Structures are given as C-alpha cells and as structure tokens.
Amino acid sequence: MTKVFRMDIVFKSRKLEKLFLEEKALVRKWGPEQAEKIKLRLTQLIAAENLETLRTLPQMRAHELSGNRAGEISLDIKHPYRLLVKPDYENPPRKDDGGLDWRKITKIKILGVVDTHG
C-alpha cells in the first residue's frame, strides 16, 4: 500500500487562494510560464511529506529568510520571483540551534509570490 503525503496548506488571504486555484487568474497575473511554475510548486507542496522533502529538490532552492522576513521560507519559481511560505503553527518546530525543524513542518501558509531581492 502506497502512502500519499499531503502538506496542510492555507493561504494568507481568500484573494490569494482564489488567484492560486484559478488558472486563468494565475496566467493573467504572472503570465503562462510563471503560472506553470507556480502550479508545479503548489503540486510539490501538496505532495510533500514535510518541508524537508522539498529541500532535496535542487530546482526548489528552498531556504529560510532572515531580517524582516525571518521565519519565512523562499521557494524558487523563476528568477527573480520566489514563492514565500511560512510554517502555520503558533510555535513552529525548531532545532536546538533555533532554526526551523523542516522535518517536523507539515502545515504551511502561502504568503505569495514576490521578488525578495528587489
């Protein structure tokens, strides 16, 4: 029997959820190429056992952000855009060094697609 993993995903707002779940709106906002990448990332998030699973995908370039975006996680879309997510816990699981324990994060909130370098 194959176990199907599903990340528990919520969105920052209903407007963002509608944008992500309606292909026409996604294409209108980001164009066809970016929309395909965003849909791929969403599919990968849904299928992941936990955030650590995503770290193993080289094209994902998943990493924690710092500064005013501390606690958020950046997932590569297409340069310069990133999909931003954060653990959806009151107190996210952490390692002894204070960093997020990606293996224990199975609930996330999608914050949006942004240029974190601009």
N, C-alpha and C. Protein backbone atom coordinates (compact mmCIF):
# COMPACT_ATOMS: atom_id res chain seq x y z
N MET A 1 0.85 -1.18 0.00
CA MET A 1 0.00 0.00 0.00
C MET A 1 0.90 1.24 0.00
N THR A 2 0.63 2.18 -0.89
CA THR A 2 1.40 3.39 -1.00
C THR A 2 0.78 4.48 -0.13
N LYS A 3 1.64 5.13 0.64
CA LYS A 3 1.17 6.22 1.48
C LYS A 3 1.22 7.51 0.67
N VAL A 4 0.15 8.27 0.69
CA VAL A 4 0.11 9.54 -0.01
C VAL A 4 0.28 10.65 1.04
N PHE A 5 1.29 11.47 0.85
CA PHE A 5 1.56 12.55 1.78
C PHE A 5 0.84 13.79 1.30
N ARG A 6 0.36 14.56 2.24
CA ARG A 6 -0.30 15.82 1.87
C ARG A 6 0.07 16.87 2.91
N MET A 7 0.73 17.88 2.44
CA MET A 7 1.04 19.02 3.28
C MET A 7 -0.27 19.76 3.56
N ASP A 8 -0.45 20.21 4.78
CA ASP A 8 -1.62 21.00 5.14
C ASP A 8 -1.33 22.44 4.73
N ILE A 9 -2.07 22.97 3.76
CA ILE A 9 -1.77 24.28 3.18
C ILE A 9 -2.95 25.22 3.35
N VAL A 10 -2.66 26.42 3.82
CA VAL A 10 -3.63 27.51 3.87
C VAL A 10 -3.00 28.70 3.15
N PHE A 11 -3.81 29.67 2.83
CA PHE A 11 -3.34 30.86 2.13
C PHE A 11 -3.48 32.08 3.03
N LYS A 12 -2.64 33.06 2.78
CA LYS A 12 -2.64 34.31 3.55
C LYS A 12 -4.00 35.00 3.48
N SER A 13 -4.69 34.87 2.35
CA SER A 13 -5.99 35.52 2.18
C SER A 13 -6.83 34.72 1.19
N ARG A 14 -8.12 35.00 1.20
CA ARG A 14 -9.01 34.35 0.22
C ARG A 14 -8.67 34.79 -1.20
N LYS A 15 -8.30 36.05 -1.33
CA LYS A 15 -7.92 36.58 -2.64
C LYS A 15 -6.73 35.82 -3.21
N LEU A 16 -5.73 35.57 -2.38
CA LEU A 16 -4.55 34.82 -2.82
C LEU A 16 -4.92 33.38 -3.15
N GLU A 17 -5.76 32.78 -2.34
CA GLU A 17 -6.20 31.40 -2.60
C GLU A 17 -6.91 31.32 -3.95
N LYS A 18 -7.79 32.27 -4.21
CA LYS A 18 -8.52 32.29 -5.48
C LYS A 18 -7.54 32.44 -6.65
N LEU A 19 -6.56 33.31 -6.49
CA LEU A 19 -5.55 33.53 -7.53
C LEU A 19 -4.79 32.23 -7.83
N PHE A 20 -4.38 31.53 -6.79
CA PHE A 20 -3.60 30.30 -6.97
C PHE A 20 -4.43 29.14 -7.52
N LEU A 21 -5.71 29.12 -7.22
CA LEU A 21 -6.52 27.97 -7.60
C LEU A 21 -7.31 28.17 -8.89
N GLU A 22 -7.27 29.37 -9.46
CA GLU A 22 -7.94 29.62 -10.74
C GLU A 22 -6.88 29.89 -11.79
N GLU A 23 -6.69 28.94 -12.68
CA GLU A 23 -5.61 29.02 -13.66
C GLU A 23 -5.65 30.29 -14.50
N LYS A 24 -6.83 30.69 -14.93
CA LYS A 24 -6.93 31.92 -15.75
C LYS A 24 -6.39 33.13 -14.99
N ALA A 25 -6.76 33.22 -13.72
CA ALA A 25 -6.30 34.35 -12.90
C ALA A 25 -4.79 34.30 -12.71
N LEU A 26 -4.26 33.11 -12.51
CA LEU A 26 -2.82 32.93 -12.33
C LEU A 26 -2.06 33.34 -13.58
N VAL A 27 -2.54 32.92 -14.74
CA VAL A 27 -1.91 33.27 -16.01
C VAL A 27 -2.02 34.78 -16.27
N ARG A 28 -3.17 35.35 -15.97
CA ARG A 28 -3.37 36.78 -16.17
C ARG A 28 -2.40 37.59 -15.30
N LYS A 29 -2.18 37.15 -14.07
CA LYS A 29 -1.31 37.87 -13.13
C LYS A 29 0.17 37.67 -13.44
N TRP A 30 0.58 36.43 -13.75
CA TRP A 30 2.00 36.09 -13.84
C TRP A 30 2.48 35.68 -15.22
N GLY A 31 1.57 35.49 -16.16
CA GLY A 31 1.97 35.01 -17.48
C GLY A 31 2.01 33.49 -17.48
N PRO A 32 1.96 32.87 -18.68
CA PRO A 32 1.85 31.41 -18.76
C PRO A 32 3.05 30.66 -18.18
N GLU A 33 4.26 31.13 -18.41
CA GLU A 33 5.45 30.41 -17.92
C GLU A 33 5.53 30.44 -16.39
N GLN A 34 5.36 31.62 -15.80
CA GLN A 34 5.39 31.73 -14.34
C GLN A 34 4.22 30.96 -13.73
N ALA A 35 3.05 31.04 -14.35
CA ALA A 35 1.87 30.34 -13.82
C ALA A 35 2.13 28.83 -13.76
N GLU A 36 2.77 28.28 -14.78
CA GLU A 36 3.09 26.84 -14.78
C GLU A 36 4.03 26.49 -13.63
N LYS A 37 5.04 27.34 -13.39
CA LYS A 37 5.99 27.10 -12.29
C LYS A 37 5.29 27.18 -10.95
N ILE A 38 4.41 28.15 -10.80
CA ILE A 38 3.67 28.31 -9.55
C ILE A 38 2.79 27.08 -9.30
N LYS A 39 2.11 26.61 -10.34
CA LYS A 39 1.27 25.40 -10.20
C LYS A 39 2.12 24.19 -9.84
N LEU A 40 3.31 24.08 -10.45
CA LEU A 40 4.22 22.98 -10.13
C LEU A 40 4.62 23.02 -8.66
N ARG A 41 4.99 24.21 -8.17
CA ARG A 41 5.38 24.34 -6.76
C ARG A 41 4.22 23.97 -5.84
N LEU A 42 3.03 24.40 -6.18
CA LEU A 42 1.86 24.07 -5.36
C LEU A 42 1.64 22.56 -5.33
N THR A 43 1.76 21.92 -6.48
CA THR A 43 1.63 20.45 -6.55
C THR A 43 2.70 19.78 -5.70
N GLN A 44 3.92 20.27 -5.77
CA GLN A 44 5.01 19.70 -4.97
C GLN A 44 4.76 19.89 -3.48
N LEU A 45 4.26 21.04 -3.11
CA LEU A 45 3.94 21.29 -1.70
C LEU A 45 2.87 20.34 -1.20
N ILE A 46 1.83 20.17 -1.99
CA ILE A 46 0.73 19.29 -1.60
C ILE A 46 1.23 17.86 -1.41
N ALA A 47 2.13 17.42 -2.28
CA ALA A 47 2.61 16.04 -2.25
C ALA A 47 3.68 15.78 -1.20
N ALA A 48 4.28 16.83 -0.67
CA ALA A 48 5.41 16.66 0.25
C ALA A 48 4.98 16.07 1.59
N GLU A 49 5.85 15.25 2.13
CA GLU A 49 5.64 14.70 3.46
C GLU A 49 5.85 15.79 4.51
N ASN A 50 6.84 16.63 4.26
CA ASN A 50 7.18 17.75 5.14
C ASN A 50 8.06 18.71 4.35
N LEU A 51 8.45 19.81 4.95
CA LEU A 51 9.27 20.78 4.22
C LEU A 51 10.65 20.23 3.87
N GLU A 52 11.19 19.34 4.67
CA GLU A 52 12.50 18.76 4.38
C GLU A 52 12.50 18.06 3.03
N THR A 53 11.38 17.45 2.67
CA THR A 53 11.25 16.78 1.38
C THR A 53 11.55 17.76 0.24
N LEU A 54 11.09 18.99 0.37
CA LEU A 54 11.31 20.00 -0.67
C LEU A 54 12.77 20.42 -0.78
N ARG A 55 13.46 20.39 0.34
CA ARG A 55 14.87 20.78 0.35
C ARG A 55 15.72 19.88 -0.53
N THR A 56 15.28 18.67 -0.75
CA THR A 56 16.06 17.71 -1.54
C THR A 56 15.91 17.94 -3.04
N LEU A 57 14.97 18.78 -3.44
CA LEU A 57 14.78 19.06 -4.86
C LEU A 57 15.67 20.25 -5.25
N PRO A 58 16.71 20.01 -6.06
CA PRO A 58 17.67 21.08 -6.35
C PRO A 58 17.04 22.30 -7.02
N GLN A 59 16.08 22.12 -7.88
CA GLN A 59 15.47 23.25 -8.56
C GLN A 59 14.61 24.10 -7.62
N MET A 60 14.32 23.61 -6.44
CA MET A 60 13.48 24.32 -5.48
C MET A 60 14.26 25.44 -4.78
N ARG A 61 15.53 25.22 -4.52
CA ARG A 61 16.38 26.19 -3.82
C ARG A 61 15.67 26.74 -2.58
N ALA A 62 15.12 25.84 -1.78
CA ALA A 62 14.37 26.21 -0.59
C ALA A 62 15.32 26.65 0.52
N HIS A 63 15.03 27.81 1.10
CA HIS A 63 15.85 28.29 2.21
C HIS A 63 15.07 29.27 3.08
N GLU A 64 15.51 29.34 4.34
CA GLU A 64 14.90 30.27 5.29
C GLU A 64 15.42 31.68 5.02
N LEU A 65 14.54 32.63 5.20
CA LEU A 65 14.93 34.02 5.03
C LEU A 65 15.27 34.63 6.38
N SER A 66 15.90 35.78 6.35
CA SER A 66 16.30 36.46 7.59
C SER A 66 15.84 37.91 7.54
N GLY A 67 16.24 38.67 8.53
CA GLY A 67 15.87 40.08 8.59
C GLY A 67 14.38 40.25 8.80
N ASN A 68 13.77 41.17 8.03
CA ASN A 68 12.34 41.42 8.21
C ASN A 68 11.47 40.29 7.67
N ARG A 69 12.08 39.30 7.04
CA ARG A 69 11.34 38.12 6.56
C ARG A 69 11.71 36.85 7.35
N ALA A 70 12.31 37.04 8.52
CA ALA A 70 12.69 35.89 9.36
C ALA A 70 11.47 35.03 9.64
N GLY A 71 11.64 33.72 9.56
CA GLY A 71 10.55 32.78 9.78
C GLY A 71 9.85 32.38 8.49
N GLU A 72 10.15 33.09 7.40
CA GLU A 72 9.56 32.75 6.11
C GLU A 72 10.53 31.89 5.32
N ILE A 73 9.98 31.12 4.39
CA ILE A 73 10.78 30.21 3.57
C ILE A 73 10.56 30.57 2.11
N SER A 74 11.66 30.65 1.39
CA SER A 74 11.65 31.03 -0.02
C SER A 74 11.81 29.78 -0.88
N LEU A 75 10.93 29.63 -1.87
CA LEU A 75 10.99 28.53 -2.82
C LEU A 75 11.13 29.14 -4.22
N ASP A 76 12.10 28.70 -4.97
CA ASP A 76 12.38 29.29 -6.27
C ASP A 76 11.23 29.05 -7.25
N ILE A 77 10.87 30.10 -7.97
CA ILE A 77 9.90 29.98 -9.07
C ILE A 77 10.70 30.16 -10.36
N LYS A 78 10.89 31.41 -10.76
CA LYS A 78 11.73 31.74 -11.90
C LYS A 78 12.31 33.11 -11.59
N HIS A 79 13.63 33.20 -11.65
CA HIS A 79 14.31 34.42 -11.24
C HIS A 79 13.64 35.65 -11.81
N PRO A 80 13.37 36.63 -11.00
CA PRO A 80 13.76 36.84 -9.61
C PRO A 80 12.66 36.46 -8.61
N TYR A 81 11.64 35.76 -9.05
CA TYR A 81 10.48 35.52 -8.19
C TYR A 81 10.61 34.26 -7.34
N ARG A 82 10.06 34.37 -6.13
CA ARG A 82 10.06 33.29 -5.17
C ARG A 82 8.65 33.12 -4.60
N LEU A 83 8.32 31.89 -4.30
CA LEU A 83 7.09 31.58 -3.58
C LEU A 83 7.44 31.63 -2.10
N LEU A 84 6.76 32.48 -1.35
CA LEU A 84 7.03 32.59 0.08
C LEU A 84 5.99 31.84 0.87
N VAL A 85 6.47 31.04 1.81
CA VAL A 85 5.60 30.30 2.72
C VAL A 85 6.15 30.46 4.13
N LYS A 86 5.32 30.13 5.09
CA LYS A 86 5.80 30.08 6.47
C LYS A 86 5.08 28.96 7.18
N PRO A 87 5.72 28.40 8.20
CA PRO A 87 5.05 27.34 8.96
C PRO A 87 3.77 27.90 9.57
N ASP A 88 2.72 27.12 9.52
CA ASP A 88 1.42 27.55 10.04
C ASP A 88 1.19 26.95 11.43
N TYR A 89 2.04 27.37 12.35
CA TYR A 89 1.98 26.93 13.74
C TYR A 89 2.11 28.17 14.63
N GLU A 90 1.50 28.14 15.79
CA GLU A 90 1.70 29.23 16.74
C GLU A 90 3.17 29.27 17.16
N ASN A 91 3.72 28.10 17.44
CA ASN A 91 5.14 27.96 17.77
C ASN A 91 5.73 26.91 16.85
N PRO A 92 6.32 27.33 15.72
CA PRO A 92 6.86 26.36 14.75
C PRO A 92 7.92 25.46 15.38
N PRO A 93 7.99 24.20 14.93
CA PRO A 93 9.02 23.29 15.43
C PRO A 93 10.41 23.83 15.12
N ARG A 94 11.28 23.81 16.11
CA ARG A 94 12.63 24.34 15.94
C ARG A 94 13.68 23.32 16.38
N LYS A 95 14.87 23.47 15.80
CA LYS A 95 16.01 22.66 16.20
C LYS A 95 16.69 23.34 17.38
N ASP A 96 17.66 22.65 17.96
CA ASP A 96 18.39 23.19 19.11
C ASP A 96 19.09 24.52 18.77
N ASP A 97 19.52 24.68 17.52
CA ASP A 97 20.22 25.91 17.13
C ASP A 97 19.28 27.08 16.86
N GLY A 98 17.95 26.86 16.99
CA GLY A 98 16.97 27.92 16.79
C GLY A 98 16.35 27.95 15.41
N GLY A 99 16.97 27.26 14.45
CA GLY A 99 16.42 27.20 13.10
C GLY A 99 15.17 26.33 13.05
N LEU A 100 14.40 26.49 12.00
CA LEU A 100 13.19 25.67 11.84
C LEU A 100 13.56 24.21 11.65
N ASP A 101 12.79 23.32 12.24
CA ASP A 101 12.97 21.88 12.04
C ASP A 101 12.09 21.47 10.87
N TRP A 102 12.68 21.53 9.69
CA TRP A 102 11.94 21.29 8.44
C TRP A 102 11.28 19.92 8.41
N ARG A 103 11.87 18.94 9.09
CA ARG A 103 11.29 17.58 9.08
C ARG A 103 9.96 17.51 9.81
N LYS A 104 9.73 18.43 10.72
CA LYS A 104 8.50 18.41 11.52
C LYS A 104 7.44 19.39 11.02
N ILE A 105 7.75 20.12 9.96
CA ILE A 105 6.79 21.10 9.45
C ILE A 105 5.94 20.46 8.37
N THR A 106 4.66 20.28 8.69
CA THR A 106 3.71 19.66 7.76
C THR A 106 2.51 20.58 7.50
N LYS A 107 2.55 21.78 8.08
CA LYS A 107 1.49 22.76 7.88
C LYS A 107 2.14 24.09 7.50
N ILE A 108 1.70 24.63 6.36
CA ILE A 108 2.27 25.90 5.92
C ILE A 108 1.19 26.87 5.49
N LYS A 109 1.57 28.14 5.47
CA LYS A 109 0.71 29.20 4.94
C LYS A 109 1.44 29.79 3.75
N ILE A 110 0.76 29.88 2.61
CA ILE A 110 1.34 30.51 1.43
C ILE A 110 1.11 32.01 1.53
N LEU A 111 2.22 32.76 1.45
CA LEU A 111 2.17 34.21 1.62
C LEU A 111 2.08 34.95 0.29
N GLY A 112 2.60 34.33 -0.78
CA GLY A 112 2.54 34.97 -2.09
C GLY A 112 3.79 34.73 -2.91
N VAL A 113 3.83 35.37 -4.07
CA VAL A 113 4.96 35.31 -4.97
C VAL A 113 5.56 36.71 -5.00
N VAL A 114 6.84 36.81 -4.67
CA VAL A 114 7.49 38.12 -4.59
C VAL A 114 8.92 38.05 -5.13
N ASP A 115 9.45 39.21 -5.42
CA ASP A 115 10.87 39.37 -5.74
C ASP A 115 11.54 39.75 -4.43
N THR A 116 12.18 38.80 -3.77
CA THR A 116 12.77 39.06 -2.45
C THR A 116 14.05 39.88 -2.55
N HIS A 117 14.56 40.07 -3.76
CA HIS A 117 15.80 40.82 -3.93
C HIS A 117 15.57 42.23 -4.45
N GLY A 118 14.33 42.55 -4.79
CA GLY A 118 14.04 43.86 -5.38
C GLY A 118 13.46 44.86 -4.43
